[in-house]
C-alpha atoms as a PDB file:
ATOM      1  CA  MET A   1      55.118  34.778  31.649  1.00  0.00           C
ATOM      2  CA  THR A   2      52.154  32.921  32.983  1.00  0.00           C
ATOM      3  CA  LYS A   3      50.100  29.358  31.281  1.00  0.00           C
ATOM      4  CA  LYS A   4      47.786  32.038  29.367  1.00  0.00           C
ATOM      5  CA  ASP A   5      50.934  33.591  27.409  1.00  0.00           C
ATOM      6  CA  ILE A   6      52.005  30.331  27.009  1.00  0.00           C
ATOM      7  CA  VAL A   7      48.927  28.789  25.529  1.00  0.00           C
ATOM      8  CA  LEU A   8      48.497  32.506  23.954  1.00  0.00           C
ATOM      9  CA  LYS A   9      51.692  31.836  21.484  1.00  0.00           C
ATOM     10  CA  ILE A  10      51.582  27.758  20.569  1.00  0.00           C
ATOM     11  CA  ALA A  11      47.873  28.574  19.844  1.00  0.00           C
ATOM     12  CA  ASN A  12      49.373  31.262  17.125  1.00  0.00           C
ATOM     13  CA  GLU A  13      52.812  29.698  16.075  1.00  0.00           C
ATOM     14  CA  THR A  14      50.642  26.613  15.496  1.00  0.00           C
ATOM     15  CA  LYS A  15      46.983  27.525  14.068  1.00  0.00           C
ATOM     16  CA  ILE A  16      45.008  25.278  17.623  1.00  0.00           C
ATOM     17  CA  LYS A  17      42.268  26.148  19.369  1.00  0.00           C
ATOM     18  CA  GLN A  18      43.108  27.641  22.313  1.00  0.00           C
ATOM     19  CA  ILE A  19      40.871  25.751  24.273  1.00  0.00           C
ATOM     20  CA  ASP A  20      42.852  22.871  22.324  1.00  0.00           C
ATOM     21  CA  VAL A  21      46.088  24.113  23.809  1.00  0.00           C
ATOM     22  CA  LYS A  22      44.831  24.451  27.154  1.00  0.00           C
ATOM     23  CA  LYS A  23      43.946  20.814  27.775  1.00  0.00           C
ATOM     24  CA  VAL A  24      47.253  20.312  26.814  1.00  0.00           C
ATOM     25  CA  VAL A  25      48.904  22.609  29.114  1.00  0.00           C
ATOM     26  CA  GLN A  26      46.981  22.233  31.824  1.00  0.00           C
ATOM     27  CA  LYS A  27      46.867  17.950  30.843  1.00  0.00           C
ATOM     28  CA  THR A  28      50.633  17.883  31.055  1.00  0.00           C
ATOM     29  CA  LEU A  29      51.429  19.609  33.887  1.00  0.00           C
ATOM     30  CA  GLU A  30      48.645  17.733  36.034  1.00  0.00           C
ATOM     31  CA  CYS A  31      50.942  14.792  35.064  1.00  0.00           C
ATOM     32  CA  ILE A  32      53.784  16.721  35.638  1.00  0.00           C
ATOM     33  CA  ILE A  33      52.703  17.472  39.858  1.00  0.00           C
ATOM     34  CA  GLU A  34      51.340  13.211  39.855  1.00  0.00           C
ATOM     35  CA  ASN A  35      55.197  11.940  39.460  1.00  0.00           C
ATOM     36  CA  LEU A  36      56.119  14.405  41.540  1.00  0.00           C
ATOM     37  CA  GLN A  37      53.184  13.059  44.539  1.00  0.00           C
ATOM     38  CA  GLU A  38      54.719   9.903  43.625  1.00  0.00           C
ATOM     39  CA  GLY A  39      58.145  10.311  44.515  1.00  0.00           C
ATOM     40  CA  LYS A  40      58.868   9.923  40.511  1.00  0.00           C
ATOM     41  CA  LYS A  41      61.730  12.650  38.543  1.00  0.00           C
ATOM     42  CA  VAL A  42      60.351  13.672  35.988  1.00  0.00           C
ATOM     43  CA  GLU A  43      62.647  14.230  33.055  1.00  0.00           C
ATOM     44  CA  LEU A  44      62.312  16.675  30.166  1.00  0.00           C
ATOM     45  CA  ARG A  45      65.246  15.798  27.431  1.00  0.00           C
ATOM     46  CA  ASN A  46      67.018  19.129  26.578  1.00  0.00           C
ATOM     47  CA  PHE A  47      65.185  20.925  29.259  1.00  0.00           C
ATOM     48  CA  GLY A  48      65.381  20.094  32.626  1.00  0.00           C
ATOM     49  CA  VAL A  49      64.136  17.551  35.747  1.00  0.00           C
ATOM     50  CA  PHE A  50      62.066  18.269  38.212  1.00  0.00           C
ATOM     51  CA  LYS A  51      62.245  15.958  41.429  1.00  0.00           C
ATOM     52  CA  ILE A  52      61.268  15.804  45.072  1.00  0.00           C
ATOM     53  CA  LYS A  53      63.806  16.406  47.675  1.00  0.00           C
ATOM     54  CA  GLN A  54      63.358  16.115  51.808  1.00  0.00           C
ATOM     55  CA  ARG A  55      64.529  18.746  53.460  1.00  0.00           C
ATOM     56  CA  ARG A  56      65.635  17.799  56.792  1.00  0.00           C
ATOM     57  CA  GLY A  57      64.177  19.818  60.369  1.00  0.00           C
ATOM     58  CA  ARG A  58      66.425  22.535  61.973  1.00  0.00           C
ATOM     59  CA  THR A  59      66.119  25.280  64.790  1.00  0.00           C
ATOM     60  CA  GLY A  60      64.942  28.338  63.317  1.00  0.00           C
ATOM     61  CA  ARG A  61      64.126  31.932  65.084  1.00  0.00           C
ATOM     62  CA  ASN A  62      60.617  33.870  64.916  1.00  0.00           C
ATOM     63  CA  PRO A  63      61.708  36.985  63.282  1.00  0.00           C
ATOM     64  CA  ARG A  64      59.826  40.004  65.764  1.00  0.00           C
ATOM     65  CA  THR A  65      60.594  37.878  68.869  1.00  0.00           C
ATOM     66  CA  GLY A  66      63.958  36.146  68.155  1.00  0.00           C
ATOM     67  CA  GLU A  67      62.158  33.034  69.992  1.00  0.00           C
ATOM     68  CA  VAL A  68      63.516  29.652  69.215  1.00  0.00           C
ATOM     69  CA  VAL A  69      61.121  27.533  66.774  1.00  0.00           C
ATOM     70  CA  PRO A  70      61.126  24.239  65.196  1.00  0.00           C
ATOM     71  CA  VAL A  71      60.902  23.691  61.746  1.00  0.00           C
ATOM     72  CA  PRO A  72      60.020  20.598  61.044  1.00  0.00           C
ATOM     73  CA  PRO A  73      61.040  17.831  58.009  1.00  0.00           C
ATOM     74  CA  LYS A  74      59.279  18.939  55.048  1.00  0.00           C
ATOM     75  CA  LYS A  75      59.627  17.862  51.233  1.00  0.00           C
ATOM     76  CA  VAL A  76      60.107  20.751  47.964  1.00  0.00           C
ATOM     77  CA  VAL A  77      60.611  20.494  44.686  1.00  0.00           C
ATOM     78  CA  VAL A  78      63.629  20.993  42.892  1.00  0.00           C
ATOM     79  CA  PHE A  79      64.485  21.721  39.439  1.00  0.00           C
ATOM     80  CA  LYS A  80      67.514  21.251  37.675  1.00  0.00           C
ATOM     81  CA  PRO A  81      67.959  23.271  33.989  1.00  0.00           C
ATOM     82  CA  GLY A  82      69.169  20.721  30.913  1.00  0.00           C
ATOM     83  CA  LEU A  83      72.112  21.444  28.440  1.00  0.00           C
ATOM     84  CA  VAL A  84      70.015  22.921  26.353  1.00  0.00           C
ATOM     85  CA  MET A  85      68.606  25.209  28.272  1.00  0.00           C
ATOM     86  CA  LYS A  86      71.454  26.157  30.204  1.00  0.00           C
ATOM     87  CA  LYS A  87      73.994  27.418  26.960  1.00  0.00           C
ATOM     88  CA  LYS A  88      71.277  29.108  25.619  1.00  0.00           C
ATOM     89  CA  ILE A  89      70.258  31.596  28.467  1.00  0.00           C
ATOM     90  CA  LYS A  90      74.309  31.720  28.731  1.00  0.00           C
END
């Protein structure tokens, strides 16, 4: 499912114009990203939690040459599903 599919489904079920739904969906996603950039976690009750996790640096290996390559530490976004989502997916 893409963002466009979400917009179409919401617009059809609520009878709100697609352009307005698209703006709301886009702004929601932007708010999530902004909070993650600031290092805050984003908790959507019954859906899940988005947060930033720091990964340690490590030693990797180039698969073509077998050469040892240092992999620097980095931040990654992690998502933990909420209870309602877990129950519905099972």
